[in-house]
Amino acid sequence: RSRKWQGALALLDDMQHCQLEPDVITYGASISACARGQQPEKALQLQEDMRQAALRPDLVTLSAAISACARGDQWQQALKLMDDIRHEEIEPDLVTYTAAINACSKGRQWESAFLLMSEMANASVEHNVFSCSASLNACSAGQQWEKALQLLGDVRRARLAPDVVTCNAAISACRGQKA
């Protein structure tokens, strides 16, 4: 695990002790460091600190917090942050959706992952191989082999080039199932 998150939090603390007010960019960088360091609780606390400082989170900080939740197996928090994005009237992008789908996948929440994929399509956010792989992983976790095969067909129809991860996820979903 990366320990850089500790340095980022120490610098943030130093800023505050020097009477410097952190801004959205400062919080976003700190939240991203916590995400990379697999520290979802710290990332979520920073998100809350930001709100208490009357700073409006932007898509970058919210996406980073969702990524932290995905890395920390906190799918419920990731979905709550997606609700926050909607409430703030911020339009999620591919990175945001993919992170949320990853969180759902790790939490074995294939239904939520598919709802997010559907929401992505309705928002005209194009899927890529990473968002599809995350959804296929959710299918695998939920033993939804039929959905996995359907999604793999969608990947091909969208002219996306499935990679090894995508194919492995689809195969995992089919393991032990009869067509």
Protein backbone atom coordinates (compact mmCIF):
# COMPACT_ATOMS: atom_id res chain seq x y z
CA ARG A 1 0.00 0.00 0.00
CA SER A 2 1.14 3.46 -0.82
CA ARG A 3 2.06 5.57 2.21
CA LYS A 4 1.93 8.83 0.25
CA TRP A 5 -1.53 9.46 1.68
CA GLN A 6 0.07 10.06 5.07
CA GLY A 7 2.31 12.74 3.60
CA ALA A 8 -0.64 14.37 1.88
CA LEU A 9 -2.61 14.48 5.13
CA ALA A 10 0.41 15.83 7.02
CA LEU A 11 0.78 18.63 4.46
CA LEU A 12 -2.93 19.40 4.69
CA ASP A 13 -2.63 19.58 8.48
CA ASP A 14 0.45 21.82 8.19
CA MET A 15 -1.46 24.16 5.90
CA GLN A 16 -4.22 24.54 8.44
CA HIS A 17 -1.73 25.14 11.27
CA CYS A 18 -0.14 27.90 9.17
CA GLN A 19 -3.58 29.50 8.83
CA LEU A 20 -3.78 28.63 5.13
CA GLU A 21 -7.22 27.62 3.93
CA PRO A 22 -7.23 24.46 1.82
CA ASP A 23 -9.30 24.75 -1.34
CA VAL A 24 -11.15 22.23 -3.50
CA ILE A 25 -7.93 21.35 -5.34
CA THR A 26 -6.08 20.73 -2.08
CA TYR A 27 -8.84 18.47 -0.80
CA GLY A 28 -9.12 16.71 -4.15
CA ALA A 29 -5.40 15.90 -4.19
CA SER A 30 -5.57 14.65 -0.60
CA ILE A 31 -8.64 12.53 -1.30
CA SER A 32 -6.90 11.06 -4.37
CA ALA A 33 -3.85 10.20 -2.25
CA CYS A 34 -6.12 8.43 0.23
CA ALA A 35 -7.80 6.55 -2.63
CA ARG A 36 -4.44 5.33 -3.96
CA GLY A 37 -3.44 4.38 -0.42
CA GLN A 38 -6.66 2.39 0.08
CA GLN A 39 -7.84 4.66 2.88
CA PRO A 40 -11.56 5.10 2.15
CA GLU A 41 -12.44 6.24 5.67
CA LYS A 42 -9.87 9.02 5.50
CA ALA A 43 -11.06 10.04 2.02
CA LEU A 44 -14.65 10.19 3.23
CA GLN A 45 -13.60 12.19 6.28
CA LEU A 46 -11.83 14.69 4.02
CA GLN A 47 -14.98 14.91 1.93
CA GLU A 48 -16.91 15.76 5.08
CA ASP A 49 -14.23 18.23 6.24
CA MET A 50 -14.53 19.93 2.88
CA ARG A 51 -18.27 20.34 3.29
CA GLN A 52 -17.83 21.71 6.81
CA ALA A 53 -15.40 24.26 5.38
CA ALA A 54 -18.25 25.37 3.07
CA LEU A 55 -16.41 24.14 -0.01
CA ARG A 56 -18.56 22.68 -2.75
CA PRO A 57 -17.12 19.38 -3.95
CA ASP A 58 -16.47 19.11 -7.66
CA LEU A 59 -16.53 16.09 -9.94
CA VAL A 60 -12.82 15.41 -9.39
CA THR A 61 -13.09 15.26 -5.59
CA LEU A 62 -16.28 13.21 -5.67
CA SER A 63 -14.83 10.79 -8.23
CA ALA A 64 -11.69 10.40 -6.12
CA ALA A 65 -13.82 9.63 -3.06
CA ILE A 66 -15.80 7.05 -5.06
CA SER A 67 -12.51 5.47 -6.18
CA ALA A 68 -11.43 5.30 -2.54
CA CYS A 69 -14.70 3.53 -1.72
CA ALA A 70 -14.13 1.06 -4.56
CA ARG A 71 -10.64 0.27 -3.31
CA GLY A 72 -11.95 -0.09 0.23
CA ASP A 73 -14.93 -2.32 -0.55
CA GLN A 74 -17.45 0.34 0.49
CA TRP A 75 -20.03 0.11 -2.27
CA GLN A 76 -22.78 1.68 -0.14
CA GLN A 77 -20.69 4.82 0.36
CA ALA A 78 -19.87 4.92 -3.35
CA LEU A 79 -23.58 4.87 -4.20
CA LYS A 80 -24.23 7.57 -1.60
CA LEU A 81 -21.58 9.72 -3.25
CA MET A 82 -23.27 9.12 -6.61
CA ASP A 83 -26.46 10.43 -4.99
CA ASP A 84 -24.49 13.46 -3.78
CA ILE A 85 -23.32 14.07 -7.34
CA ARG A 86 -26.90 14.03 -8.57
CA HIS A 87 -27.98 16.30 -5.70
CA GLU A 88 -25.19 18.77 -6.52
CA GLU A 89 -26.36 18.67 -10.15
CA ILE A 90 -22.92 17.62 -11.31
CA GLU A 91 -22.80 15.42 -14.39
CA PRO A 92 -20.82 12.24 -13.72
CA ASP A 93 -18.28 11.24 -16.34
CA LEU A 94 -16.80 7.92 -17.45
CA VAL A 95 -14.27 7.90 -14.61
CA THR A 96 -16.98 8.50 -12.01
CA TYR A 97 -19.28 5.81 -13.35
CA THR A 98 -16.47 3.29 -13.73
CA ALA A 99 -15.32 3.85 -10.13
CA ALA A 100 -18.89 3.41 -8.85
CA ILE A 101 -19.38 0.27 -10.96
CA ASN A 102 -16.09 -1.08 -9.58
CA ALA A 103 -17.31 -0.45 -6.03
CA CYS A 104 -20.55 -2.32 -6.80
CA SER A 105 -18.61 -5.15 -8.39
CA LYS A 106 -16.41 -5.58 -5.33
CA GLY A 107 -19.52 -5.53 -3.17
CA ARG A 108 -21.18 -8.20 -5.34
CA GLN A 109 -23.93 -5.73 -6.25
CA TRP A 110 -24.47 -6.62 -9.89
CA GLU A 111 -27.94 -5.05 -9.96
CA SER A 112 -26.54 -1.68 -8.88
CA ALA A 113 -23.69 -2.01 -11.38
CA PHE A 114 -26.19 -2.58 -14.18
CA LEU A 115 -28.32 0.35 -13.04
CA LEU A 116 -25.22 2.54 -13.26
CA MET A 117 -24.44 1.17 -16.74
CA SER A 118 -27.99 2.02 -17.79
CA GLU A 119 -27.72 5.48 -16.24
CA MET A 120 -24.46 5.98 -18.15
CA ALA A 121 -26.17 5.16 -21.43
CA ASN A 122 -29.09 7.49 -20.62
CA ALA A 123 -26.61 10.28 -19.86
CA SER A 124 -24.87 9.64 -23.20
CA VAL A 125 -21.62 8.69 -21.45
CA GLU A 126 -19.94 6.12 -23.68
CA HIS A 127 -18.74 2.89 -22.13
CA ASN A 128 -15.17 1.80 -22.48
CA VAL A 129 -13.45 -1.49 -21.87
CA PHE A 130 -12.83 -0.59 -18.21
CA SER A 131 -16.45 0.19 -17.37
CA CYS A 132 -17.53 -2.98 -19.18
CA SER A 133 -14.91 -5.07 -17.37
CA ALA A 134 -16.11 -3.70 -14.03
CA SER A 135 -19.69 -4.65 -14.94
CA LEU A 136 -18.58 -8.10 -16.06
CA ASN A 137 -16.80 -8.54 -12.72
CA ALA A 138 -20.08 -7.65 -11.00
CA CYS A 139 -21.83 -10.31 -13.12
CA SER A 140 -19.19 -12.81 -12.11
CA ALA A 141 -19.55 -11.95 -8.41
CA GLY A 142 -23.32 -12.28 -8.70
CA GLN A 143 -23.16 -15.47 -10.82
CA GLN A 144 -25.08 -13.71 -13.59
CA TRP A 145 -23.64 -15.58 -16.57
CA GLU A 146 -26.48 -14.67 -18.94
CA LYS A 147 -26.04 -10.96 -18.19
CA ALA A 148 -22.28 -11.36 -18.65
CA LEU A 149 -22.72 -12.90 -22.10
CA GLN A 150 -25.22 -10.19 -23.04
CA LEU A 151 -22.78 -7.50 -21.91
CA LEU A 152 -19.91 -9.12 -23.79
CA GLY A 153 -22.07 -9.03 -26.92
CA ASP A 154 -22.76 -5.34 -26.25
CA VAL A 155 -19.02 -4.74 -25.97
CA ARG A 156 -18.44 -6.29 -29.37
CA ARG A 157 -21.37 -4.42 -30.97
CA ALA A 158 -19.97 -1.15 -29.61
CA ARG A 159 -16.72 -2.05 -31.39
CA LEU A 160 -14.80 -2.03 -28.14
CA ALA A 161 -11.84 -4.37 -28.12
CA PRO A 162 -12.25 -6.71 -25.16
CA ASP A 163 -8.98 -7.26 -23.33
CA VAL A 164 -7.83 -10.22 -21.25
CA VAL A 165 -9.44 -8.78 -18.10
CA THR A 166 -12.78 -8.38 -19.89
CA CYS A 167 -12.71 -11.92 -21.26
CA ASN A 168 -11.59 -13.40 -17.93
CA ALA A 169 -14.45 -11.65 -16.15
CA ALA A 170 -16.97 -13.02 -18.67
CA ILE A 171 -15.49 -16.52 -18.38
CA SER A 172 -15.60 -16.31 -14.57
CA ALA A 173 -19.28 -15.43 -14.72
CA CYS A 174 -19.91 -18.56 -16.81
CA ARG A 175 -17.88 -20.90 -14.63
CA GLY A 176 -19.99 -23.90 -13.72
CA GLN A 177 -23.09 -22.70 -15.57
CA LYS A 178 -24.97 -24.50 -18.32
CA ALA A 179 -26.25 -22.50 -21.27
